[in-house]
Protein backbone atom coordinates (compact mmCIF):
# COMPACT_ATOMS: atom_id res chain seq x y z
CA MET A 1 -125.33 -97.56 16.35
CA ILE A 2 -123.21 -99.34 18.88
CA PHE A 3 -124.33 -99.33 22.50
CA LEU A 4 -121.81 -100.18 25.22
CA ASP A 5 -122.88 -100.83 28.79
CA ASN A 6 -120.70 -101.78 31.75
CA ARG A 7 -122.38 -104.01 34.34
CA GLN A 8 -119.34 -105.06 36.33
CA ASP A 9 -116.85 -103.39 38.63
CA LYS A 10 -113.89 -105.79 38.62
CA ILE A 11 -112.09 -104.45 35.56
CA ASP A 12 -111.71 -100.83 34.53
CA VAL A 13 -113.53 -100.08 31.28
CA THR A 14 -111.28 -97.42 29.84
CA GLU A 15 -112.13 -95.01 27.07
CA ASN A 16 -109.47 -96.79 24.98
CA LEU A 17 -111.25 -100.12 25.45
CA ARG A 18 -114.61 -98.60 24.48
CA LYS A 19 -113.08 -96.90 21.44
CA ASN A 20 -111.40 -100.09 20.23
CA VAL A 21 -114.54 -102.21 20.69
CA LYS A 22 -116.56 -99.70 18.66
CA GLU A 23 -113.90 -99.52 15.96
CA VAL A 24 -113.61 -103.29 15.65
CA ILE A 25 -117.40 -103.62 15.35
CA GLU A 26 -117.58 -100.90 12.70
CA HIS A 27 -114.74 -102.50 10.74
CA ALA A 28 -116.25 -105.99 11.00
CA LEU A 29 -119.63 -104.72 9.78
CA LYS A 30 -117.93 -103.09 6.81
CA GLU A 31 -115.94 -106.27 6.06
CA GLU A 32 -119.16 -108.29 6.20
CA ASN A 33 -120.98 -105.95 3.79
CA VAL A 34 -123.46 -104.64 6.34
CA ASN A 35 -124.12 -101.40 4.51
CA ILE A 36 -127.29 -100.29 6.26
CA PRO A 37 -127.74 -98.48 9.57
CA CYS A 38 -127.83 -101.09 12.32
CA GLU A 39 -127.65 -101.56 16.07
CA VAL A 40 -125.42 -103.78 18.17
CA SER A 41 -125.50 -103.75 21.97
CA VAL A 42 -122.49 -104.87 24.01
CA ILE A 43 -122.54 -105.35 27.76
CA PHE A 44 -119.38 -105.86 29.77
CA VAL A 45 -119.98 -108.22 32.67
CA ASP A 46 -118.07 -110.33 35.18
CA ASN A 47 -117.91 -114.13 35.47
CA ASN A 48 -120.85 -114.43 37.83
CA TYR A 49 -123.08 -112.26 35.65
CA ILE A 50 -122.29 -114.18 32.45
CA LYS A 51 -122.78 -117.48 34.26
CA ASN A 52 -126.29 -116.34 35.21
CA ILE A 53 -127.05 -115.25 31.63
CA ASN A 54 -125.75 -118.59 30.35
CA ARG A 55 -127.90 -120.53 32.82
CA GLU A 56 -131.04 -118.48 32.18
CA ASN A 57 -130.78 -118.48 28.38
CA ARG A 58 -129.01 -121.72 27.52
CA ASN A 59 -129.52 -123.95 30.59
CA ILE A 60 -125.74 -124.16 30.91
CA ASP A 61 -124.65 -123.42 34.47
CA LYS A 62 -121.07 -122.36 33.81
CA ILE A 63 -118.92 -119.36 33.10
CA THR A 64 -118.17 -118.54 29.48
CA ASP A 65 -116.25 -115.73 27.82
CA VAL A 66 -118.87 -114.31 25.47
CA LEU A 67 -122.51 -114.83 24.55
CA SER A 68 -124.31 -113.70 21.40
CA PHE A 69 -128.01 -113.07 20.98
CA PRO A 70 -128.78 -112.58 17.27
CA MET A 71 -132.03 -110.95 16.26
CA LEU A 72 -132.04 -112.19 12.65
CA GLU A 73 -132.52 -115.72 11.38
CA TYR A 74 -130.40 -117.19 8.62
CA PRO A 75 -130.93 -120.20 6.38
CA LYS A 76 -128.61 -123.06 7.32
CA GLY A 77 -125.07 -122.40 6.16
CA GLN A 78 -125.68 -118.79 5.19
CA VAL A 79 -124.66 -115.49 6.75
CA PHE A 80 -125.86 -111.89 6.52
CA LYS A 81 -124.01 -111.05 3.31
CA ASP A 82 -125.48 -114.16 1.62
CA VAL A 83 -129.07 -113.45 2.59
CA TYR A 84 -129.74 -109.83 3.40
CA ILE A 85 -127.65 -107.86 0.92
CA ASP A 86 -130.66 -106.69 -1.13
CA TYR A 87 -133.34 -107.52 1.42
CA ASP A 88 -136.17 -105.08 2.12
CA PHE A 89 -136.34 -105.01 5.91
CA GLN A 90 -139.72 -104.65 7.56
CA PRO A 91 -140.45 -102.33 10.49
CA SER A 92 -140.50 -105.36 12.82
CA ASP A 93 -136.78 -105.87 12.05
CA MET A 94 -135.95 -102.25 12.73
CA ASP A 95 -135.62 -100.00 15.75
CA GLY A 96 -136.51 -96.71 14.20
CA LYS A 97 -134.33 -96.58 11.10
CA ASN A 98 -131.73 -99.07 12.33
CA LEU A 99 -131.64 -102.83 11.78
CA VAL A 100 -131.22 -104.55 15.16
CA LEU A 101 -128.52 -107.21 14.77
CA GLY A 102 -128.48 -108.34 18.39
CA ASP A 103 -126.73 -108.28 21.74
CA ILE A 104 -123.29 -109.32 22.93
CA ALA A 105 -122.27 -110.05 26.54
CA ILE A 106 -118.53 -110.21 27.27
CA SER A 107 -117.08 -111.32 30.58
CA LEU A 108 -114.15 -108.97 31.07
CA GLU A 109 -113.03 -111.07 33.99
CA ARG A 110 -112.81 -114.16 31.76
CA ALA A 111 -111.21 -112.13 28.95
CA GLU A 112 -108.48 -111.03 31.35
CA GLN A 113 -107.87 -114.65 32.42
CA GLN A 114 -107.75 -115.83 28.79
CA SER A 115 -105.39 -113.05 27.73
CA ARG A 116 -102.89 -114.33 30.31
CA GLU A 117 -103.47 -117.97 29.28
CA PHE A 118 -102.93 -117.18 25.58
CA GLY A 119 -100.07 -114.73 26.18
CA HIS A 120 -101.53 -111.69 24.49
CA SER A 121 -103.02 -108.40 25.60
CA PHE A 122 -106.33 -107.93 27.34
CA LEU A 123 -107.34 -105.51 24.57
CA ARG A 124 -106.62 -108.15 21.91
CA GLU A 125 -108.73 -110.70 23.77
CA VAL A 126 -111.70 -108.36 24.18
CA CYS A 127 -111.51 -107.34 20.51
CA TYR A 128 -111.30 -110.99 19.45
CA LEU A 129 -114.34 -111.90 21.58
CA THR A 130 -116.20 -108.92 20.13
CA VAL A 131 -115.50 -109.96 16.54
CA HIS A 132 -116.30 -113.59 17.32
CA SER A 133 -119.63 -112.67 18.84
CA LEU A 134 -120.49 -110.16 16.12
CA LEU A 135 -119.92 -112.86 13.51
CA HIS A 136 -122.44 -115.00 15.40
CA LEU A 137 -124.92 -112.11 15.13
CA LEU A 138 -124.28 -112.19 11.37
CA GLY A 139 -124.99 -115.92 11.07
CA TYR A 140 -121.56 -117.55 11.43
CA ASP A 141 -121.21 -120.66 13.54
CA HIS A 142 -118.47 -123.09 14.55
CA ILE A 143 -120.25 -126.32 15.44
CA LYS A 144 -119.01 -128.15 12.34
CA GLU A 145 -115.27 -128.16 11.70
CA GLU A 146 -115.63 -126.67 8.19
CA ASP A 147 -117.75 -123.81 9.57
CA LYS A 148 -115.22 -123.27 12.36
CA LYS A 149 -112.43 -122.83 9.78
CA ILE A 150 -114.47 -120.25 7.87
CA MET A 151 -115.30 -118.34 11.04
CA ARG A 152 -111.70 -118.35 12.31
CA LYS A 153 -110.47 -117.10 8.94
CA ARG A 154 -112.97 -114.21 9.04
CA GLU A 155 -112.03 -113.35 12.64
CA GLU A 156 -108.33 -113.15 11.83
CA LYS A 157 -108.93 -111.17 8.61
CA ILE A 158 -111.00 -108.60 10.48
CA LEU A 159 -108.54 -108.33 13.39
CA GLN A 160 -105.48 -107.93 11.09
CA LYS A 161 -106.25 -104.26 10.61
CA PHE A 162 -105.85 -103.60 14.31
CA GLU A 163 -102.41 -105.21 14.73
CA LEU A 164 -103.30 -106.61 18.11
């Protein structure tokens, strides 16, 4: 299940945007071998809202484009498909019959700014941020350069289908 919530009023959240975000999440989950019912929550926010989330949760008092809040833990250097492919999930991991992967907060205001900076569409930027954040929920990281290369490769592979 994918939950989308809009908590900002600066950018119109169209049905097309919602549809594309859902589709990119579903495709990414499939590409990452997440073959069990799961939940991902996405909230669309503005710069001020994401700055507050960033400050409250990470002690970083600045605007960012996207934040991820994974619910699963992964051994260092491993991702969902490495660890949980044959795992027997416990009720504490589940919400009903769905595995809760985590939450994503996307600043649409920042996404719009970045789409202009990078010279591509707003839809492409939001979909990229969605995939980027979802990969964080699945255990990917980009602190080390080698991990960053792996993550970027996965992002681009997933987004290729959408021709954005």
